[in-house]
Amino acid sequence: MRNNLMSAVLLCALAIPVTAMAGPRQVEMPEFAGEHLMKMMRGHLDTLQDITHLLSQHEYEKAADIAEEGLGMSSAEIHFKKYVGKYMPKDMRAQGESMHEAATRFATDARNAAKGDELDKALASMSNIIKRCVSCHSAYRLRQSGK
C-alpha cells in the first residue's frame, strides 16, 4: 500500500511541467523595450480598472470602447510590430495576442449587453481577459537590468 502511494506521488510530480516547478521564465529585451512593456502593462491595469468601473455604472458602450482602444487587437498592432513584440519569445507573444483578442471579444459582448442588458456574457469575457493576463504574468518575468 505504501509503495502504491509513493508511486502515485512520484507519478504526479513527474506530470508537473518543468516550467511550473522552475517558476516564471526570465525574458530579456533591450532596456527601452522593457520600459515600454512595463508602461504598457500598467496602462492595461488602468484600462481594466476603468472597464470595471464603467460596467458597475451600466456604461457598457463606453466600457466596450475603452476595452478596444486600450486592450483590443487594434491597440496591440503597433506594440507588437514596432516595439516589444519583436523582442518577446514566440509563445509569450502568442499569449499577449490572445489577451488582446479576448479584449476585442469583450468589447463585442459589452456592446451586446448594452442592447439587451445581458451583463453575464460581458462579465465572463472580462474574466477571460484577466485570466489571460494572469497566465502570462505567471509564466514570464522581465529580467531586470543593472539599474
N, C-alpha and C. Protein backbone atom coordinates (compact mmCIF):
# COMPACT_ATOMS: atom_id res chain seq x y z
N MET A 1 0.83 -1.20 0.00
CA MET A 1 0.00 0.00 0.00
C MET A 1 0.87 1.26 0.00
N ARG A 2 1.89 1.26 0.86
CA ARG A 2 2.77 2.43 0.94
C ARG A 2 3.52 2.63 -0.37
N ASN A 3 3.96 1.56 -1.00
CA ASN A 3 4.65 1.66 -2.29
C ASN A 3 3.73 2.22 -3.37
N ASN A 4 2.45 1.83 -3.33
CA ASN A 4 1.49 2.35 -4.31
C ASN A 4 1.30 3.86 -4.13
N LEU A 5 1.22 4.30 -2.87
CA LEU A 5 1.07 5.72 -2.59
C LEU A 5 2.30 6.49 -3.05
N MET A 6 3.49 5.97 -2.73
CA MET A 6 4.73 6.62 -3.15
C MET A 6 4.81 6.67 -4.68
N SER A 7 4.41 5.61 -5.34
CA SER A 7 4.43 5.59 -6.81
C SER A 7 3.47 6.63 -7.38
N ALA A 8 2.29 6.74 -6.76
CA ALA A 8 1.31 7.73 -7.23
C ALA A 8 1.84 9.15 -7.06
N VAL A 9 2.45 9.42 -5.91
CA VAL A 9 3.01 10.75 -5.65
C VAL A 9 4.12 11.06 -6.64
N LEU A 10 4.99 10.10 -6.88
CA LEU A 10 6.08 10.30 -7.83
C LEU A 10 5.55 10.53 -9.24
N LEU A 11 4.54 9.77 -9.63
CA LEU A 11 3.95 9.93 -10.96
C LEU A 11 3.33 11.32 -11.11
N CYS A 12 2.63 11.79 -10.08
CA CYS A 12 2.05 13.14 -10.12
C CYS A 12 3.14 14.21 -10.22
N ALA A 13 4.21 14.03 -9.47
CA ALA A 13 5.30 15.01 -9.51
C ALA A 13 5.94 15.05 -10.89
N LEU A 14 6.06 13.92 -11.51
CA LEU A 14 6.65 13.89 -12.85
C LEU A 14 5.72 14.50 -13.89
N ALA A 15 4.43 14.51 -13.60
CA ALA A 15 3.47 15.07 -14.55
C ALA A 15 3.44 16.59 -14.53
N ILE A 16 4.00 17.22 -13.48
CA ILE A 16 4.03 18.68 -13.39
C ILE A 16 5.04 19.20 -14.40
N PRO A 17 4.63 20.14 -15.24
CA PRO A 17 5.58 20.69 -16.21
C PRO A 17 6.79 21.30 -15.52
N VAL A 18 7.93 21.16 -16.11
CA VAL A 18 9.17 21.69 -15.55
C VAL A 18 9.06 23.19 -15.34
N THR A 19 8.42 23.90 -16.27
CA THR A 19 8.31 25.36 -16.15
C THR A 19 7.52 25.75 -14.91
N ALA A 20 6.53 24.94 -14.53
CA ALA A 20 5.75 25.25 -13.34
C ALA A 20 6.62 25.13 -12.09
N MET A 21 7.54 24.17 -12.11
CA MET A 21 8.41 23.99 -10.97
C MET A 21 9.52 25.03 -10.94
N ALA A 22 9.97 25.44 -12.10
CA ALA A 22 11.10 26.36 -12.19
C ALA A 22 10.69 27.81 -11.95
N GLY A 23 9.42 28.11 -12.03
CA GLY A 23 8.95 29.48 -11.88
C GLY A 23 8.89 30.19 -13.22
N PRO A 24 8.57 31.47 -13.18
CA PRO A 24 8.42 32.22 -14.43
C PRO A 24 9.71 32.27 -15.24
N ARG A 25 9.56 32.22 -16.53
CA ARG A 25 10.70 32.31 -17.46
C ARG A 25 11.19 33.75 -17.50
N GLN A 26 12.47 33.94 -17.38
CA GLN A 26 13.07 35.27 -17.46
C GLN A 26 13.19 35.68 -18.93
N VAL A 27 12.68 36.85 -19.25
CA VAL A 27 12.72 37.36 -20.63
C VAL A 27 13.63 38.57 -20.67
N GLU A 28 14.58 38.54 -21.58
CA GLU A 28 15.48 39.68 -21.77
C GLU A 28 15.07 40.45 -23.01
N MET A 29 15.17 41.75 -22.91
CA MET A 29 14.95 42.63 -24.06
C MET A 29 15.71 43.92 -23.81
N PRO A 30 15.93 44.69 -24.86
CA PRO A 30 16.63 45.97 -24.67
C PRO A 30 15.90 46.84 -23.64
N GLU A 31 16.66 47.67 -22.96
CA GLU A 31 16.10 48.49 -21.89
C GLU A 31 14.90 49.32 -22.35
N PHE A 32 14.99 49.94 -23.53
CA PHE A 32 13.87 50.77 -24.00
C PHE A 32 12.61 49.93 -24.21
N ALA A 33 12.78 48.70 -24.70
CA ALA A 33 11.64 47.82 -24.93
C ALA A 33 11.05 47.35 -23.60
N GLY A 34 11.91 47.03 -22.64
CA GLY A 34 11.44 46.62 -21.31
C GLY A 34 10.67 47.74 -20.62
N GLU A 35 11.16 48.96 -20.74
CA GLU A 35 10.46 50.10 -20.14
C GLU A 35 9.12 50.31 -20.82
N HIS A 36 9.09 50.16 -22.14
CA HIS A 36 7.83 50.30 -22.88
C HIS A 36 6.85 49.21 -22.45
N LEU A 37 7.34 47.98 -22.30
CA LEU A 37 6.48 46.87 -21.88
C LEU A 37 5.88 47.15 -20.50
N MET A 38 6.70 47.60 -19.57
CA MET A 38 6.19 47.88 -18.23
C MET A 38 5.15 49.01 -18.26
N LYS A 39 5.39 50.01 -19.07
CA LYS A 39 4.42 51.11 -19.22
C LYS A 39 3.10 50.58 -19.79
N MET A 40 3.21 49.70 -20.79
CA MET A 40 2.01 49.10 -21.37
C MET A 40 1.24 48.29 -20.34
N MET A 41 1.94 47.49 -19.55
CA MET A 41 1.28 46.64 -18.56
C MET A 41 0.54 47.49 -17.53
N ARG A 42 1.17 48.56 -17.09
CA ARG A 42 0.50 49.45 -16.14
C ARG A 42 -0.72 50.12 -16.79
N GLY A 43 -0.59 50.46 -18.05
CA GLY A 43 -1.73 51.00 -18.79
C GLY A 43 -2.86 49.99 -18.91
N HIS A 44 -2.50 48.72 -19.10
CA HIS A 44 -3.52 47.67 -19.17
C HIS A 44 -4.29 47.58 -17.85
N LEU A 45 -3.56 47.67 -16.73
CA LEU A 45 -4.23 47.65 -15.43
C LEU A 45 -5.18 48.83 -15.27
N ASP A 46 -4.73 50.01 -15.67
CA ASP A 46 -5.60 51.19 -15.61
C ASP A 46 -6.86 50.97 -16.46
N THR A 47 -6.67 50.40 -17.64
CA THR A 47 -7.80 50.14 -18.54
C THR A 47 -8.77 49.14 -17.91
N LEU A 48 -8.25 48.07 -17.32
CA LEU A 48 -9.12 47.09 -16.67
C LEU A 48 -9.92 47.73 -15.53
N GLN A 49 -9.27 48.61 -14.78
CA GLN A 49 -9.97 49.30 -13.69
C GLN A 49 -11.07 50.19 -14.25
N ASP A 50 -10.77 50.92 -15.32
CA ASP A 50 -11.78 51.79 -15.94
C ASP A 50 -12.96 50.97 -16.46
N ILE A 51 -12.67 49.84 -17.09
CA ILE A 51 -13.74 48.98 -17.62
C ILE A 51 -14.62 48.49 -16.48
N THR A 52 -14.01 48.01 -15.42
CA THR A 52 -14.77 47.50 -14.28
C THR A 52 -15.69 48.58 -13.71
N HIS A 53 -15.15 49.78 -13.57
CA HIS A 53 -15.97 50.89 -13.06
C HIS A 53 -17.14 51.17 -14.00
N LEU A 54 -16.87 51.23 -15.30
CA LEU A 54 -17.94 51.51 -16.26
C LEU A 54 -19.01 50.42 -16.26
N LEU A 55 -18.59 49.17 -16.12
CA LEU A 55 -19.57 48.09 -16.04
C LEU A 55 -20.46 48.26 -14.80
N SER A 56 -19.86 48.67 -13.70
CA SER A 56 -20.65 48.87 -12.48
C SER A 56 -21.66 50.00 -12.63
N GLN A 57 -21.39 50.89 -13.55
CA GLN A 57 -22.28 52.03 -13.82
C GLN A 57 -23.23 51.75 -14.99
N HIS A 58 -23.19 50.53 -15.51
CA HIS A 58 -24.00 50.11 -16.67
C HIS A 58 -23.68 50.91 -17.92
N GLU A 59 -22.45 51.36 -18.03
CA GLU A 59 -21.96 52.12 -19.19
C GLU A 59 -21.27 51.15 -20.14
N TYR A 60 -22.04 50.23 -20.71
CA TYR A 60 -21.48 49.13 -21.49
C TYR A 60 -20.81 49.60 -22.78
N GLU A 61 -21.40 50.55 -23.44
CA GLU A 61 -20.80 51.06 -24.69
C GLU A 61 -19.44 51.71 -24.42
N LYS A 62 -19.38 52.51 -23.37
CA LYS A 62 -18.11 53.16 -23.01
C LYS A 62 -17.07 52.12 -22.61
N ALA A 63 -17.50 51.10 -21.86
CA ALA A 63 -16.59 50.03 -21.47
C ALA A 63 -16.05 49.31 -22.71
N ALA A 64 -16.92 49.09 -23.68
CA ALA A 64 -16.51 48.43 -24.93
C ALA A 64 -15.49 49.28 -25.67
N ASP A 65 -15.76 50.57 -25.77
CA ASP A 65 -14.84 51.48 -26.48
C ASP A 65 -13.46 51.50 -25.81
N ILE A 66 -13.46 51.63 -24.50
CA ILE A 66 -12.19 51.69 -23.77
C ILE A 66 -11.43 50.37 -23.88
N ALA A 67 -12.17 49.25 -23.84
CA ALA A 67 -11.53 47.94 -23.97
C ALA A 67 -10.86 47.80 -25.33
N GLU A 68 -11.56 48.19 -26.36
CA GLU A 68 -10.98 48.05 -27.70
C GLU A 68 -9.80 49.00 -27.90
N GLU A 69 -9.95 50.22 -27.44
CA GLU A 69 -8.87 51.19 -27.61
C GLU A 69 -7.64 50.86 -26.77
N GLY A 70 -7.86 50.38 -25.54
CA GLY A 70 -6.75 50.17 -24.63
C GLY A 70 -6.19 48.76 -24.59
N LEU A 71 -7.02 47.77 -24.95
CA LEU A 71 -6.60 46.38 -24.84
C LEU A 71 -6.84 45.54 -26.09
N GLY A 72 -7.75 45.96 -26.92
CA GLY A 72 -8.16 45.15 -28.06
C GLY A 72 -7.10 45.02 -29.13
N MET A 73 -7.42 44.25 -30.15
CA MET A 73 -6.47 43.97 -31.23
C MET A 73 -6.02 45.25 -31.93
N SER A 74 -6.89 46.24 -32.03
CA SER A 74 -6.48 47.48 -32.68
C SER A 74 -5.40 48.20 -31.89
N SER A 75 -5.39 48.03 -30.57
CA SER A 75 -4.35 48.67 -29.75
C SER A 75 -3.06 47.88 -29.77
N ALA A 76 -3.14 46.60 -30.03
CA ALA A 76 -1.97 45.72 -29.94
C ALA A 76 -1.06 45.81 -31.15
N GLU A 77 -1.61 46.11 -32.28
CA GLU A 77 -0.84 46.02 -33.53
C GLU A 77 0.43 46.85 -33.51
N ILE A 78 0.35 48.08 -33.08
CA ILE A 78 1.54 48.94 -33.10
C ILE A 78 2.59 48.44 -32.11
N HIS A 79 2.14 47.95 -30.96
CA HIS A 79 3.09 47.47 -29.95
C HIS A 79 3.82 46.22 -30.42
N PHE A 80 3.08 45.32 -31.02
CA PHE A 80 3.70 44.07 -31.46
C PHE A 80 4.63 44.28 -32.66
N LYS A 81 4.26 45.16 -33.55
CA LYS A 81 5.06 45.35 -34.76
C LYS A 81 6.23 46.31 -34.55
N LYS A 82 6.01 47.35 -33.75
CA LYS A 82 7.03 48.40 -33.63
C LYS A 82 7.90 48.28 -32.40
N TYR A 83 7.34 47.83 -31.31
CA TYR A 83 8.07 47.93 -30.05
C TYR A 83 8.43 46.57 -29.46
N VAL A 84 7.68 46.13 -28.50
CA VAL A 84 8.09 44.99 -27.70
C VAL A 84 7.88 43.63 -28.34
N GLY A 85 6.93 43.50 -29.21
CA GLY A 85 6.61 42.21 -29.78
C GLY A 85 7.77 41.49 -30.42
N LYS A 86 8.62 42.24 -31.09
CA LYS A 86 9.74 41.59 -31.77
C LYS A 86 10.81 41.10 -30.80
N TYR A 87 10.74 41.51 -29.53
CA TYR A 87 11.71 41.06 -28.52
C TYR A 87 11.14 39.95 -27.63
N MET A 88 9.86 39.67 -27.78
CA MET A 88 9.22 38.65 -26.95
C MET A 88 9.48 37.26 -27.54
N PRO A 89 9.62 36.26 -26.66
CA PRO A 89 9.63 34.89 -27.17
C PRO A 89 8.29 34.62 -27.88
N LYS A 90 8.32 33.74 -28.85
CA LYS A 90 7.14 33.47 -29.67
C LYS A 90 5.92 33.08 -28.82
N ASP A 91 6.11 32.21 -27.84
CA ASP A 91 4.98 31.78 -27.02
C ASP A 91 4.45 32.90 -26.12
N MET A 92 5.30 33.78 -25.68
CA MET A 92 4.87 34.93 -24.88
C MET A 92 4.05 35.88 -25.75
N ARG A 93 4.52 36.11 -26.96
CA ARG A 93 3.80 36.98 -27.90
C ARG A 93 2.41 36.39 -28.19
N ALA A 94 2.34 35.07 -28.35
CA ALA A 94 1.05 34.42 -28.61
C ALA A 94 0.10 34.61 -27.43
N GLN A 95 0.62 34.53 -26.22
CA GLN A 95 -0.23 34.77 -25.05
C GLN A 95 -0.73 36.21 -25.02
N GLY A 96 0.14 37.14 -25.35
CA GLY A 96 -0.28 38.55 -25.39
C GLY A 96 -1.34 38.78 -26.44
N GLU A 97 -1.15 38.19 -27.60
CA GLU A 97 -2.14 38.33 -28.67
C GLU A 97 -3.48 37.74 -28.26
N SER A 98 -3.45 36.62 -27.52
CA SER A 98 -4.72 36.02 -27.09
C SER A 98 -5.44 36.93 -26.09
N MET A 99 -4.68 37.67 -25.27
CA MET A 99 -5.33 38.62 -24.36
C MET A 99 -5.98 39.74 -25.15
N HIS A 100 -5.27 40.25 -26.16
CA HIS A 100 -5.84 41.33 -26.98
C HIS A 100 -7.07 40.84 -27.74
N GLU A 101 -7.05 39.61 -28.22
CA GLU A 101 -8.23 39.03 -28.88
C GLU A 101 -9.39 38.90 -27.91
N ALA A 102 -9.09 38.49 -26.67
CA ALA A 102 -10.13 38.38 -25.64
C ALA A 102 -10.75 39.74 -25.35
N ALA A 103 -9.94 40.79 -25.37
CA ALA A 103 -10.46 42.14 -25.13
C ALA A 103 -11.38 42.59 -26.26
N THR A 104 -11.03 42.24 -27.47
CA THR A 104 -11.91 42.57 -28.60
C THR A 104 -13.23 41.81 -28.48
N ARG A 105 -13.17 40.54 -28.05
CA ARG A 105 -14.42 39.78 -27.83
C ARG A 105 -15.24 40.41 -26.71
N PHE A 106 -14.56 40.86 -25.64
CA PHE A 106 -15.26 41.54 -24.57
C PHE A 106 -16.00 42.77 -25.11
N ALA A 107 -15.32 43.55 -25.94
CA ALA A 107 -15.95 44.77 -26.49
C ALA A 107 -17.26 44.42 -27.20
N THR A 108 -17.24 43.35 -27.97
CA THR A 108 -18.46 42.91 -28.65
C THR A 108 -19.52 42.50 -27.64
N ASP A 109 -19.14 41.73 -26.63
CA ASP A 109 -20.10 41.29 -25.62
C ASP A 109 -20.65 42.45 -24.80
N ALA A 110 -19.81 43.45 -24.52
CA ALA A 110 -20.28 44.62 -23.76
C ALA A 110 -21.27 45.43 -24.59
N ARG A 111 -21.02 45.54 -25.89
CA ARG A 111 -21.98 46.24 -26.76
C ARG A 111 -23.30 45.49 -26.82
N ASN A 112 -23.23 44.17 -26.85
CA ASN A 112 -24.46 43.37 -26.82
C ASN A 112 -25.19 43.52 -25.49
N ALA A 113 -24.44 43.65 -24.41
CA ALA A 113 -25.05 43.87 -23.10
C ALA A 113 -25.79 45.20 -23.07
N ALA A 114 -25.26 46.18 -23.77
CA ALA A 114 -25.92 47.49 -23.83
C ALA A 114 -27.28 47.39 -24.51
N LYS A 115 -27.38 46.49 -25.46
CA LYS A 115 -28.64 46.33 -26.21
C LYS A 115 -29.67 45.52 -25.41
N GLY A 116 -29.19 44.48 -24.72
CA GLY A 116 -30.13 43.59 -24.05
C GLY A 116 -29.90 43.42 -22.57
N ASP A 117 -29.00 44.19 -22.01
CA ASP A 117 -28.65 44.12 -20.60
C ASP A 117 -28.26 42.71 -20.17
N GLU A 118 -27.52 42.03 -21.05
CA GLU A 118 -27.01 40.69 -20.75
C GLU A 118 -25.58 40.82 -20.21
N LEU A 119 -25.50 41.24 -19.00
CA LEU A 119 -24.21 41.51 -18.39
C LEU A 119 -23.39 40.25 -18.15
N ASP A 120 -24.05 39.11 -17.95
CA ASP A 120 -23.32 37.87 -17.64
C ASP A 120 -22.28 37.52 -18.69
N LYS A 121 -22.62 37.63 -19.95
CA LYS A 121 -21.66 37.28 -21.01
C LYS A 121 -20.50 38.26 -21.04
N ALA A 122 -20.78 39.54 -20.83
CA ALA A 122 -19.71 40.54 -20.79
C ALA A 122 -18.78 40.29 -19.60
N LEU A 123 -19.35 39.94 -18.46
CA LEU A 123 -18.51 39.66 -17.29
C LEU A 123 -17.66 38.41 -17.49
N ALA A 124 -18.23 37.41 -18.16
CA ALA A 124 -17.45 36.21 -18.48
C ALA A 124 -16.30 36.56 -19.41
N SER A 125 -16.55 37.43 -20.37
CA SER A 125 -15.49 37.88 -21.28
C SER A 125 -14.43 38.68 -20.54
N MET A 126 -14.86 39.52 -19.61
CA MET A 126 -13.92 40.29 -18.81
C MET A 126 -13.03 39.35 -17.99
N SER A 127 -13.65 38.33 -17.42
CA SER A 127 -12.90 37.34 -16.67
C SER A 127 -11.87 36.64 -17.55
N ASN A 128 -12.22 36.40 -18.80
CA ASN A 128 -11.30 35.76 -19.74
C ASN A 128 -10.09 36.65 -20.03
N ILE A 129 -10.30 37.95 -20.11
CA ILE A 129 -9.17 38.87 -20.30
C ILE A 129 -8.21 38.73 -19.12
N ILE A 130 -8.75 38.82 -17.92
CA ILE A 130 -7.92 38.77 -16.71
C ILE A 130 -7.22 37.42 -16.59
N LYS A 131 -7.92 36.36 -16.95
CA LYS A 131 -7.32 35.02 -16.92
C LYS A 131 -6.09 34.97 -17.81
N ARG A 132 -6.16 35.59 -18.96
CA ARG A 132 -5.03 35.59 -19.89
C ARG A 132 -3.89 36.45 -19.35
N CYS A 133 -4.21 37.54 -18.69
CA CYS A 133 -3.17 38.36 -18.04
C CYS A 133 -2.44 37.54 -16.98
N VAL A 134 -3.21 36.91 -16.11
CA VAL A 134 -2.63 36.13 -15.02
C VAL A 134 -1.76 35.00 -15.58
N SER A 135 -2.23 34.34 -16.60
CA SER A 135 -1.48 33.23 -17.20
C SER A 135 -0.12 33.69 -17.70
N CYS A 136 -0.09 34.79 -18.41
CA CYS A 136 1.17 35.30 -18.96
C CYS A 136 2.09 35.80 -17.85
N HIS A 137 1.54 36.52 -16.89
CA HIS A 137 2.37 37.04 -15.80
C HIS A 137 2.89 35.93 -14.90
N SER A 138 2.20 34.80 -14.88
CA SER A 138 2.68 33.65 -14.12
C SER A 138 3.80 32.93 -14.86
N ALA A 139 3.78 33.02 -16.17
CA ALA A 139 4.76 32.28 -16.99
C ALA A 139 6.03 33.07 -17.29
N TYR A 140 5.97 34.39 -17.27
CA TYR A 140 7.11 35.22 -17.70
C TYR A 140 7.39 36.34 -16.73
N ARG A 141 8.67 36.69 -16.68
CA ARG A 141 9.13 37.84 -15.91
C ARG A 141 10.18 38.56 -16.75
N LEU A 142 10.12 39.85 -16.74
CA LEU A 142 11.12 40.65 -17.43
C LEU A 142 12.38 40.65 -16.58
N ARG A 143 13.49 40.28 -17.18
CA ARG A 143 14.74 40.29 -16.45
C ARG A 143 15.13 41.74 -16.19
N GLN A 144 15.39 42.05 -14.95
CA GLN A 144 15.74 43.40 -14.57
C GLN A 144 17.17 43.72 -14.99
N SER A 145 17.34 44.91 -15.48
CA SER A 145 18.70 45.34 -15.85
C SER A 145 19.43 45.74 -14.57
N GLY A 146 20.68 46.17 -14.71
CA GLY A 146 21.52 46.51 -13.57
C GLY A 146 21.17 47.82 -12.91
N LYS A 147 20.05 48.42 -13.25
CA LYS A 147 19.69 49.71 -12.66
C LYS A 147 19.34 49.60 -11.19
